[in-house]
C-alpha atoms as a PDB file:
ATOM      1  CA  MET A   1      95.591  58.619  91.134  1.00  0.00           C
ATOM      2  CA  PRO A   2      93.078  58.147  93.314  1.00  0.00           C
ATOM      3  CA  SER A   3      90.250  55.096  92.942  1.00  0.00           C
ATOM      4  CA  GLY A   4      87.395  56.653  92.643  1.00  0.00           C
ATOM      5  CA  ALA A   5      88.302  59.577  89.956  1.00  0.00           C
ATOM      6  CA  ASP A   6      85.570  61.063  88.201  1.00  0.00           C
ATOM      7  CA  GLU A   7      85.314  63.564  85.188  1.00  0.00           C
ATOM      8  CA  ARG A   8      85.078  66.218  87.290  1.00  0.00           C
ATOM      9  CA  TRP A   9      88.421  65.458  88.586  1.00  0.00           C
ATOM     10  CA  ILE A  10      90.261  64.071  85.811  1.00  0.00           C
ATOM     11  CA  ARG A  11      89.505  67.781  84.407  1.00  0.00           C
ATOM     12  CA  GLU A  12      90.523  70.036  87.425  1.00  0.00           C
ATOM     13  CA  ASN A  13      93.890  67.679  87.861  1.00  0.00           C
ATOM     14  CA  TYR A  14      94.957  66.987  83.817  1.00  0.00           C
ATOM     15  CA  GLN A  15      93.176  69.681  81.412  1.00  0.00           C
ATOM     16  CA  ARG A  16      96.390  72.248  81.749  1.00  0.00           C
ATOM     17  CA  LYS A  17      98.847  69.161  81.293  1.00  0.00           C
ATOM     18  CA  LEU A  18      96.953  67.832  78.347  1.00  0.00           C
ATOM     19  CA  GLY A  19      96.294  71.455  76.519  1.00  0.00           C
ATOM     20  CA  LYS A  20     100.116  71.771  76.857  1.00  0.00           C
ATOM     21  CA  ASP A  21     101.520  68.005  75.940  1.00  0.00           C
ATOM     22  CA  SER A  22      98.993  66.901  73.855  1.00  0.00           C
ATOM     23  CA  VAL A  23      98.763  63.738  75.252  1.00  0.00           C
ATOM     24  CA  LEU A  24      98.962  61.821  78.211  1.00  0.00           C
ATOM     25  CA  LEU A  25      99.944  58.920  79.512  1.00  0.00           C
ATOM     26  CA  LEU A  26      98.481  57.426  82.738  1.00  0.00           C
ATOM     27  CA  HIS A  27      99.667  54.703  84.821  1.00  0.00           C
ATOM     28  CA  ALA A  28      98.106  53.001  87.402  1.00  0.00           C
ATOM     29  CA  PHE A  29      94.184  53.658  85.914  1.00  0.00           C
ATOM     30  CA  ASP A  30      91.605  50.714  86.418  1.00  0.00           C
ATOM     31  CA  SER A  31      90.038  52.040  83.510  1.00  0.00           C
ATOM     32  CA  ARG A  32      86.718  52.911  86.846  1.00  0.00           C
ATOM     33  CA  LEU A  33      85.906  55.906  84.940  1.00  0.00           C
ATOM     34  CA  THR A  34      84.982  54.504  81.837  1.00  0.00           C
ATOM     35  CA  LYS A  35      82.488  52.276  83.100  1.00  0.00           C
ATOM     36  CA  ASP A  36      81.158  55.901  83.908  1.00  0.00           C
ATOM     37  CA  LEU A  37      81.445  58.686  81.382  1.00  0.00           C
ATOM     38  CA  HIS A  38      78.855  60.810  80.366  1.00  0.00           C
ATOM     39  CA  VAL A  39      77.665  59.537  77.116  1.00  0.00           C
ATOM     40  CA  ASP A  40      79.151  62.439  74.522  1.00  0.00           C
ATOM     41  CA  LEU A  41      82.198  61.385  76.338  1.00  0.00           C
ATOM     42  CA  GLN A  42      81.896  58.307  76.124  1.00  0.00           C
ATOM     43  CA  LYS A  43      81.236  58.015  72.014  1.00  0.00           C
ATOM     44  CA  LEU A  44      84.825  60.016  71.623  1.00  0.00           C
ATOM     45  CA  ARG A  45      86.802  57.532  73.015  1.00  0.00           C
ATOM     46  CA  CYS A  46      84.792  54.726  70.830  1.00  0.00           C
ATOM     47  CA  LYS A  47      85.750  57.101  68.165  1.00  0.00           C
ATOM     48  CA  THR A  48      89.606  57.249  69.970  1.00  0.00           C
ATOM     49  CA  ALA A  49      89.507  53.307  69.885  1.00  0.00           C
ATOM     50  CA  PHE A  50      88.208  52.225  66.885  1.00  0.00           C
ATOM     51  CA  GLU A  51      89.583  54.556  64.367  1.00  0.00           C
ATOM     52  CA  ALA A  52      91.970  57.252  65.283  1.00  0.00           C
ATOM     53  CA  LEU A  53      94.023  54.800  66.701  1.00  0.00           C
ATOM     54  CA  LYS A  54      96.598  53.181  63.788  1.00  0.00           C
ATOM     55  CA  PHE A  55      99.160  50.253  63.765  1.00  0.00           C
ATOM     56  CA  GLN A  56     102.250  51.808  62.014  1.00  0.00           C
ATOM     57  CA  PRO A  57     101.753  51.575  58.199  1.00  0.00           C
ATOM     58  CA  GLU A  58     104.466  48.102  57.416  1.00  0.00           C
ATOM     59  CA  ILE A  59     101.853  46.379  60.436  1.00  0.00           C
ATOM     60  CA  GLU A  60      99.014  47.768  58.282  1.00  0.00           C
ATOM     61  CA  GLU A  61     100.900  46.815  54.746  1.00  0.00           C
ATOM     62  CA  THR A  62     101.551  43.028  55.988  1.00  0.00           C
ATOM     63  CA  ALA A  63      98.183  42.259  57.284  1.00  0.00           C
ATOM     64  CA  SER A  64      96.106  43.984  54.446  1.00  0.00           C
ATOM     65  CA  ARG A  65      98.486  41.043  52.353  1.00  0.00           C
ATOM     66  CA  LEU A  66      97.354  38.122  54.855  1.00  0.00           C
ATOM     67  CA  VAL A  67      93.610  39.519  54.271  1.00  0.00           C
ATOM     68  CA  GLU A  68      94.545  39.340  50.878  1.00  0.00           C
ATOM     69  CA  ARG A  69      95.633  35.536  50.698  1.00  0.00           C
ATOM     70  CA  ILE A  70      92.849  34.247  52.691  1.00  0.00           C
ATOM     71  CA  GLY A  71      90.535  36.183  51.614  1.00  0.00           C
ATOM     72  CA  ARG A  72      91.549  35.742  47.687  1.00  0.00           C
ATOM     73  CA  GLU A  73      88.646  32.657  47.378  1.00  0.00           C
ATOM     74  CA  GLY A  74      85.465  34.720  49.438  1.00  0.00           C
ATOM     75  CA  PRO A  75      84.843  35.017  53.462  1.00  0.00           C
ATOM     76  CA  TYR A  76      86.610  33.368  56.442  1.00  0.00           C
ATOM     77  CA  MET A  77      86.191  32.417  59.863  1.00  0.00           C
ATOM     78  CA  ALA A  78      88.639  34.068  62.429  1.00  0.00           C
ATOM     79  CA  LEU A  79      89.340  32.076  65.418  1.00  0.00           C
ATOM     80  CA  HIS A  80      91.395  33.380  68.193  1.00  0.00           C
ATOM     81  CA  LEU A  81      92.484  30.455  70.445  1.00  0.00           C
ATOM     82  CA  ARG A  82      93.143  30.346  73.914  1.00  0.00           C
ATOM     83  CA  LEU A  83      95.808  26.646  74.125  1.00  0.00           C
ATOM     84  CA  GLU A  84      98.540  28.323  75.044  1.00  0.00           C
ATOM     85  CA  LYS A  85     100.822  26.912  77.852  1.00  0.00           C
ATOM     86  CA  ASP A  86     100.455  29.999  80.205  1.00  0.00           C
ATOM     87  CA  VAL A  87      96.827  29.455  79.543  1.00  0.00           C
ATOM     88  CA  TRP A  88      96.589  26.577  80.952  1.00  0.00           C
ATOM     89  CA  VAL A  89      98.828  27.243  84.443  1.00  0.00           C
ATOM     90  CA  ARG A  90      96.290  30.459  84.639  1.00  0.00           C
ATOM     91  CA  THR A  91      93.219  28.178  84.393  1.00  0.00           C
ATOM     92  CA  GLY A  92      93.951  25.061  85.499  1.00  0.00           C
ATOM     93  CA  CYS A  93      91.985  23.037  83.074  1.00  0.00           C
ATOM     94  CA  ARG A  94      92.769  19.455  80.895  1.00  0.00           C
ATOM     95  CA  THR A  95      94.492  20.204  78.218  1.00  0.00           C
ATOM     96  CA  GLY A  96      92.453  17.560  75.637  1.00  0.00           C
ATOM     97  CA  LEU A  97      95.791  15.857  75.283  1.00  0.00           C
ATOM     98  CA  GLY A  98      95.974  12.932  77.242  1.00  0.00           C
ATOM     99  CA  ARG A  99      96.757  12.573  81.020  1.00  0.00           C
ATOM    100  CA  GLY A 100     101.068  13.595  80.791  1.00  0.00           C
ATOM    101  CA  ALA A 101     100.170  16.420  79.458  1.00  0.00           C
ATOM    102  CA  ASP A 102      97.765  17.603  82.463  1.00  0.00           C
ATOM    103  CA  ARG A 103     100.166  16.055  84.752  1.00  0.00           C
ATOM    104  CA  LYS A 104     103.003  18.652  83.122  1.00  0.00           C
ATOM    105  CA  ILE A 105     100.423  21.888  83.943  1.00  0.00           C
ATOM    106  CA  GLU A 106      99.864  20.206  87.123  1.00  0.00           C
ATOM    107  CA  GLN A 107     103.045  20.888  88.409  1.00  0.00           C
ATOM    108  CA  GLU A 108     104.019  23.820  86.831  1.00  0.00           C
ATOM    109  CA  ARG A 109     101.031  25.320  88.453  1.00  0.00           C
ATOM    110  CA  ALA A 110     102.314  24.033  91.984  1.00  0.00           C
ATOM    111  CA  SER A 111     105.337  25.047  91.343  1.00  0.00           C
ATOM    112  CA  SER A 112     105.764  28.331  89.416  1.00  0.00           C
ATOM    113  CA  ASN A 113     102.532  29.863  91.220  1.00  0.00           C
ATOM    114  CA  PRO A 114     101.397  28.247  94.151  1.00  0.00           C
ATOM    115  CA  ARG A 115      98.899  31.501  94.540  1.00  0.00           C
ATOM    116  CA  LEU A 116      96.158  30.312  91.917  1.00  0.00           C
ATOM    117  CA  LEU A 117      96.357  26.989  94.447  1.00  0.00           C
ATOM    118  CA  ILE A 118      94.695  29.132  96.692  1.00  0.00           C
ATOM    119  CA  SER A 119      91.163  30.168  96.424  1.00  0.00           C
ATOM    120  CA  ARG A 120      88.015  30.480  98.788  1.00  0.00           C
ATOM    121  CA  SER A 121      85.759  27.703  97.261  1.00  0.00           C
ATOM    122  CA  LYS A 122      88.701  24.738  96.101  1.00  0.00           C
ATOM    123  CA  PRO A 123      86.675  24.350  93.170  1.00  0.00           C
ATOM    124  CA  THR A 124      88.549  20.818  91.239  1.00  0.00           C
ATOM    125  CA  VAL A 125      89.485  21.112  87.853  1.00  0.00           C
ATOM    126  CA  ARG A 126      85.514  19.023  86.805  1.00  0.00           C
ATOM    127  CA  ASP A 127      84.294  21.974  88.758  1.00  0.00           C
ATOM    128  CA  ARG A 128      86.132  24.558  86.705  1.00  0.00           C
ATOM    129  CA  TYR A 129      84.888  22.710  83.976  1.00  0.00           C
ATOM    130  CA  VAL A 130      81.419  21.999  84.068  1.00  0.00           C
ATOM    131  CA  ALA A 131      81.039  25.983  84.964  1.00  0.00           C
ATOM    132  CA  GLY A 132      81.876  27.135  81.639  1.00  0.00           C
ATOM    133  CA  LEU A 133      84.954  28.431  82.907  1.00  0.00           C
ATOM    134  CA  CYS A 134      87.764  27.062  80.647  1.00  0.00           C
ATOM    135  CA  PRO A 135      89.268  27.665  77.164  1.00  0.00           C
ATOM    136  CA  LEU A 136      87.734  25.147  75.036  1.00  0.00           C
ATOM    137  CA  THR A 137      90.500  23.004  72.967  1.00  0.00           C
ATOM    138  CA  ALA A 138      90.619  22.524  70.165  1.00  0.00           C
ATOM    139  CA  ASP A 139      88.680  19.562  69.779  1.00  0.00           C
ATOM    140  CA  GLU A 140      85.372  21.363  71.221  1.00  0.00           C
ATOM    141  CA  ILE A 141      85.869  24.178  68.816  1.00  0.00           C
ATOM    142  CA  SER A 142      86.506  22.357  66.282  1.00  0.00           C
ATOM    143  CA  ARG A 143      82.648  20.079  67.172  1.00  0.00           C
ATOM    144  CA  MET A 144      81.145  23.830  67.591  1.00  0.00           C
ATOM    145  CA  ILE A 145      81.202  25.540  64.893  1.00  0.00           C
ATOM    146  CA  LYS A 146      80.312  21.871  62.894  1.00  0.00           C
ATOM    147  CA  GLY A 147      77.655  22.052  65.037  1.00  0.00           C
ATOM    148  CA  LEU A 148      76.378  25.465  63.867  1.00  0.00           C
ATOM    149  CA  GLY A 149      76.603  24.370  60.551  1.00  0.00           C
ATOM    150  CA  THR A 150      79.825  25.444  59.598  1.00  0.00           C
ATOM    151  CA  PRO A 151      80.571  23.555  55.975  1.00  0.00           C
ATOM    152  CA  ASN A 152      84.680  21.439  56.824  1.00  0.00           C
ATOM    153  CA  SER A 153      85.469  23.619  53.643  1.00  0.00           C
ATOM    154  CA  THR A 154      85.848  26.775  55.388  1.00  0.00           C
ATOM    155  CA  ARG A 155      88.343  28.673  55.199  1.00  0.00           C
ATOM    156  CA  ILE A 156      89.343  29.899  58.625  1.00  0.00           C
ATOM    157  CA  TYR A 157      92.109  31.804  60.507  1.00  0.00           C
ATOM    158  CA  TRP A 158      93.934  31.064  63.636  1.00  0.00           C
ATOM    159  CA  ALA A 159      94.375  33.413  65.864  1.00  0.00           C
ATOM    160  CA  GLY A 160      96.958  33.412  69.256  1.00  0.00           C
ATOM    161  CA  GLY A 161     100.692  32.102  70.134  1.00  0.00           C
ATOM    162  CA  GLU A 162     102.350  28.697  69.883  1.00  0.00           C
ATOM    163  CA  PRO A 163     100.080  25.924  71.053  1.00  0.00           C
ATOM    164  CA  PHE A 164     100.890  23.805  74.094  1.00  0.00           C
ATOM    165  CA  GLY A 165     101.583  20.564  72.406  1.00  0.00           C
ATOM    166  CA  GLY A 166     102.656  22.679  69.295  1.00  0.00           C
ATOM    167  CA  GLN A 167     100.902  21.313  66.744  1.00  0.00           C
ATOM    168  CA  LYS A 168      99.177  18.222  67.871  1.00  0.00           C
ATOM    169  CA  ALA A 169      97.376  20.797  69.972  1.00  0.00           C
ATOM    170  CA  LEU A 170      95.630  21.463  66.734  1.00  0.00           C
ATOM    171  CA  GLU A 171      94.764  18.254  64.683  1.00  0.00           C
ATOM    172  CA  PRO A 172      91.577  18.090  65.699  1.00  0.00           C
ATOM    173  CA  LEU A 173      90.353  20.951  64.187  1.00  0.00           C
ATOM    174  CA  ARG A 174      92.220  20.955  61.228  1.00  0.00           C
ATOM    175  CA  ALA A 175      90.901  17.141  60.880  1.00  0.00           C
ATOM    176  CA  ARG A 176      87.689  18.463  60.783  1.00  0.00           C
ATOM    177  CA  PHE A 177      88.328  22.263  58.691  1.00  0.00           C
ATOM    178  CA  PRO A 178      92.123  20.953  56.374  1.00  0.00           C
ATOM    179  CA  ASN A 179      91.198  25.020  54.979  1.00  0.00           C
ATOM    180  CA  LEU A 180      93.073  26.357  58.895  1.00  0.00           C
ATOM    181  CA  HIS A 181      95.668  28.814  58.220  1.00  0.00           C
ATOM    182  CA  ASP A 182      97.935  31.278  60.359  1.00  0.00           C
ATOM    183  CA  LYS A 183     100.138  33.805  59.491  1.00  0.00           C
ATOM    184  CA  TRP A 184     102.789  31.377  58.730  1.00  0.00           C
ATOM    185  CA  SER A 185     101.206  29.593  56.662  1.00  0.00           C
ATOM    186  CA  LEU A 186      99.553  32.038  54.297  1.00  0.00           C
ATOM    187  CA  THR A 187     103.521  34.110  54.118  1.00  0.00           C
ATOM    188  CA  ASN A 188     106.270  32.780  52.089  1.00  0.00           C
ATOM    189  CA  ALA A 189     109.984  31.846  53.645  1.00  0.00           C
ATOM    190  CA  GLY A 190     111.110  34.571  54.965  1.00  0.00           C
ATOM    191  CA  GLU A 191     108.843  37.113  54.814  1.00  0.00           C
ATOM    192  CA  LEU A 192     107.462  37.483  58.412  1.00  0.00           C
ATOM    193  CA  ASP A 193     111.464  36.551  60.263  1.00  0.00           C
ATOM    194  CA  GLY A 194     111.762  40.346  61.309  1.00  0.00           C
ATOM    195  CA  ILE A 195     109.763  40.138  63.526  1.00  0.00           C
ATOM    196  CA  ARG A 196     110.009  36.626  64.637  1.00  0.00           C
ATOM    197  CA  ASN A 197     110.630  37.439  68.012  1.00  0.00           C
ATOM    198  CA  LYS A 198     107.984  40.631  68.169  1.00  0.00           C
ATOM    199  CA  PRO A 199     104.847  39.313  69.910  1.00  0.00           C
ATOM    200  CA  SER A 200     103.244  43.055  69.438  1.00  0.00           C
ATOM    201  CA  ILE A 201     103.978  42.927  66.675  1.00  0.00           C
ATOM    202  CA  LEU A 202     102.235  39.148  65.709  1.00  0.00           C
ATOM    203  CA  ALA A 203      99.916  40.013  67.629  1.00  0.00           C
ATOM    204  CA  ALA A 204      98.712  42.874  65.541  1.00  0.00           C
ATOM    205  CA  LEU A 205      98.526  41.241  62.587  1.00  0.00           C
ATOM    206  CA  ASP A 206      96.293  38.616  64.318  1.00  0.00           C
ATOM    207  CA  TYR A 207      94.294  41.512  65.241  1.00  0.00           C
ATOM    208  CA  ILE A 208      93.529  43.152  61.691  1.00  0.00           C
ATOM    209  CA  VAL A 209      92.777  39.875  59.928  1.00  0.00           C
ATOM    210  CA  CYS A 210      90.819  38.687  62.843  1.00  0.00           C
ATOM    211  CA  LEU A 211      89.134  41.981  62.762  1.00  0.00           C
ATOM    212  CA  LYS A 212      88.431  41.959  58.578  1.00  0.00           C
ATOM    213  CA  SER A 213      86.980  38.099  58.994  1.00  0.00           C
ATOM    214  CA  LYS A 214      82.877  37.959  58.361  1.00  0.00           C
ATOM    215  CA  TYR A 215      82.740  35.085  61.694  1.00  0.00           C
ATOM    216  CA  PHE A 216      84.730  36.494  64.146  1.00  0.00           C
ATOM    217  CA  MET A 217      84.856  33.413  67.740  1.00  0.00           C
ATOM    218  CA  ALA A 218      87.120  33.230  70.353  1.00  0.00           C
ATOM    219  CA  SER A 219      87.195  30.143  72.394  1.00  0.00           C
ATOM    220  CA  HIS A 220      88.148  31.676  75.861  1.00  0.00           C
ATOM    221  CA  GLY A 221      87.362  35.524  76.138  1.00  0.00           C
ATOM    222  CA  GLY A 222      90.361  38.173  77.033  1.00  0.00           C
ATOM    223  CA  ASN A 223      91.087  41.330  76.059  1.00  0.00           C
ATOM    224  CA  MET A 224      92.131  41.684  72.851  1.00  0.00           C
ATOM    225  CA  ALA A 225      88.799  38.939  72.084  1.00  0.00           C
ATOM    226  CA  ASN A 226      87.115  41.214  73.882  1.00  0.00           C
ATOM    227  CA  PHE A 227      88.049  44.353  72.516  1.00  0.00           C
ATOM    228  CA  LEU A 228      88.017  42.868  68.686  1.00  0.00           C
ATOM    229  CA  GLN A 229      83.847  41.674  69.631  1.00  0.00           C
ATOM    230  CA  ASP A 230      83.285  45.406  70.249  1.00  0.00           C
ATOM    231  CA  HIS A 231      85.070  46.590  66.718  1.00  0.00           C
ATOM    232  CA  ARG A 232      83.830  44.582  65.048  1.00  0.00           C
ATOM    233  CA  THR A 233      80.640  45.178  66.515  1.00  0.00           C
ATOM    234  CA  TYR A 234      81.797  49.872  65.836  1.00  0.00           C
ATOM    235  CA  MET A 235      82.809  48.921  62.888  1.00  0.00           C
ATOM    236  CA  GLY A 236      79.874  46.970  60.846  1.00  0.00           C
ATOM    237  CA  TYR A 237      81.708  43.509  60.310  1.00  0.00           C
ATOM    238  CA  GLY A 238      79.240  41.530  61.492  1.00  0.00           C
ATOM    239  CA  MET A 239      78.283  39.606  65.192  1.00  0.00           C
ATOM    240  CA  PRO A 240      80.731  37.762  66.746  1.00  0.00           C
ATOM    241  CA  ILE A 241      79.720  34.137  67.611  1.00  0.00           C
ATOM    242  CA  LYS A 242      80.110  33.653  71.591  1.00  0.00           C
ATOM    243  CA  PRO A 243      80.319  29.860  72.627  1.00  0.00           C
ATOM    244  CA  ASN A 244      77.743  29.215  75.671  1.00  0.00           C
ATOM    245  CA  LYS A 245      80.357  27.598  77.215  1.00  0.00           C
ATOM    246  CA  LYS A 246      78.085  26.107  80.360  1.00  0.00           C
ATOM    247  CA  PRO A 247      75.405  24.343  78.378  1.00  0.00           C
ATOM    248  CA  LEU A 248      78.008  23.652  75.885  1.00  0.00           C
ATOM    249  CA  VAL A 249      80.771  21.479  77.852  1.00  0.00           C
ATOM    250  CA  HIS A 250      77.439  19.610  80.009  1.00  0.00           C
ATOM    251  CA  LEU A 251      76.432  18.448  75.578  1.00  0.00           C
ATOM    252  CA  PHE A 252      80.352  17.446  75.627  1.00  0.00           C
ATOM    253  CA  MET A 253      79.715  15.346  78.549  1.00  0.00           C
ATOM    254  CA  LYS A 254      76.832  13.037  76.736  1.00  0.00           C
ATOM    255  CA  LYS A 255      78.934  10.644  75.893  1.00  0.00           C
ATOM    256  CA  SER A 256      76.030   8.342  74.494  1.00  0.00           C
ATOM    257  CA  LEU A 257      74.822  11.130  71.841  1.00  0.00           C
ATOM    258  CA  HIS A 258      75.553  10.502  68.245  1.00  0.00           C
ATOM    259  CA  GLU A 259      77.435  13.278  65.982  1.00  0.00           C
ATOM    260  CA  ASP A 260      73.966  14.629  64.978  1.00  0.00           C
ATOM    261  CA  GLU A 261      71.946  14.736  67.857  1.00  0.00           C
ATOM    262  CA  ILE A 262      75.232  16.707  69.429  1.00  0.00           C
ATOM    263  CA  ASP A 263      75.164  19.094  66.153  1.00  0.00           C
ATOM    264  CA  ARG A 264      71.021  19.785  67.218  1.00  0.00           C
ATOM    265  CA  GLU A 265      71.772  20.775  70.546  1.00  0.00           C
ATOM    266  CA  ILE A 266      74.447  22.596  70.035  1.00  0.00           C
ATOM    267  CA  LYS A 267      72.359  24.631  67.616  1.00  0.00           C
ATOM    268  CA  ASP A 268      69.864  24.211  69.790  1.00  0.00           C
ATOM    269  CA  ILE A 269      71.579  25.678  72.797  1.00  0.00           C
ATOM    270  CA  HIS A 270      72.741  29.310  70.743  1.00  0.00           C
ATOM    271  CA  THR A 271      69.766  30.038  69.133  1.00  0.00           C
ATOM    272  CA  GLY A 272      69.029  33.800  70.449  1.00  0.00           C
ATOM    273  CA  TYR A 273      71.961  32.779  72.653  1.00  0.00           C
ATOM    274  CA  LEU A 274      73.321  34.557  69.480  1.00  0.00           C
ATOM    275  CA  ASN A 275      70.998  36.830  68.054  1.00  0.00           C
ATOM    276  CA  TYR A 276      70.548  38.954  71.376  1.00  0.00           C
ATOM    277  CA  THR A 277      70.924  42.857  70.957  1.00  0.00           C
ATOM    278  CA  ILE A 278      74.678  43.549  71.319  1.00  0.00           C
ATOM    279  CA  SER A 279      75.493  45.139  74.880  1.00  0.00           C
ATOM    280  CA  LEU A 280      79.089  46.190  74.264  1.00  0.00           C
ATOM    281  CA  GLY A 281      81.453  46.012  76.518  1.00  0.00           C
ATOM    282  CA  ILE A 282      82.629  50.001  75.825  1.00  0.00           C
ATOM    283  CA  ARG A 283      78.740  51.411  76.142  1.00  0.00           C
ATOM    284  CA  ASN A 284      77.399  53.583  74.282  1.00  0.00           C
ATOM    285  CA  CYS A 285      79.989  52.840  70.707  1.00  0.00           C
ATOM    286  CA  VAL A 286      76.092  51.569  69.283  1.00  0.00           C
ATOM    287  CA  CYS A 287      73.154  52.316  69.206  1.00  0.00           C
ATOM    288  CA  SER A 288      70.687  49.314  69.825  1.00  0.00           C
ATOM    289  CA  ASN A 289      69.661  48.697  66.513  1.00  0.00           C
ATOM    290  CA  GLY A 290      73.797  47.967  65.174  1.00  0.00           C
ATOM    291  CA  SER A 291      74.246  51.598  63.712  1.00  0.00           C
ATOM    292  CA  MET A 292      77.330  54.510  64.673  1.00  0.00           C
ATOM    293  CA  PRO A 293      76.910  56.693  66.884  1.00  0.00           C
ATOM    294  CA  SER A 294      77.292  60.454  64.835  1.00  0.00           C
END
């Protein structure tokens, strides 16, 4: 499929096949076409992505139990955390777990991913951090949501893979917000044994619980987080909280500030940033006032 294929090319080459087979799987499709579709087709794409496509019934049922359990006492917040080892290796950022942990990441990055060390600008670890290009650590996430006024009694669901450093990586977040849960803490012993080694299904559970939350925040973007933000907006579930990372990390570097000063500045740097007119990655899914397309 040529990279410059437009809507007309797609119709001429695939319309007959689609009419015959109902579904076509396009390999090596770089999605350039999706950025330049007619509004009516874009709306159809949104309805397909956010309404027609469904998870398998057993996944929906399990996720519904998780949503019911964490939401039993009222609305909850969901966090999509990117604390896995491969994320730290790929980004080359500090883990927040001390020099020993950072050294392990540096060694892994150099030995198994030498291409990651090649860059025109050759940014240092500090360069990446101050540019706001690093995932937020659990401590930074907890400080941010506290600064935005989140009560420490808030029930929080965290989604994501096994953090590098295990439960130690989550300690700063759990210390400030003890009602911290994931799919494992919300289920009975053995309830998820059948899917323990099926990461795609586990990610689907995380997706649904995050989708149904009152508030949602991702620590480092990514496909799942971006799609969730669009899906939640389309369904009217609430605007995502998007960390304004560059000024946020500069604030965290000011070690002389008291905690109440940090809280005030966190609110200041996110005022307006959180209240923008939503512009979806999937354009034309909703109107500027947030209503769904007809």
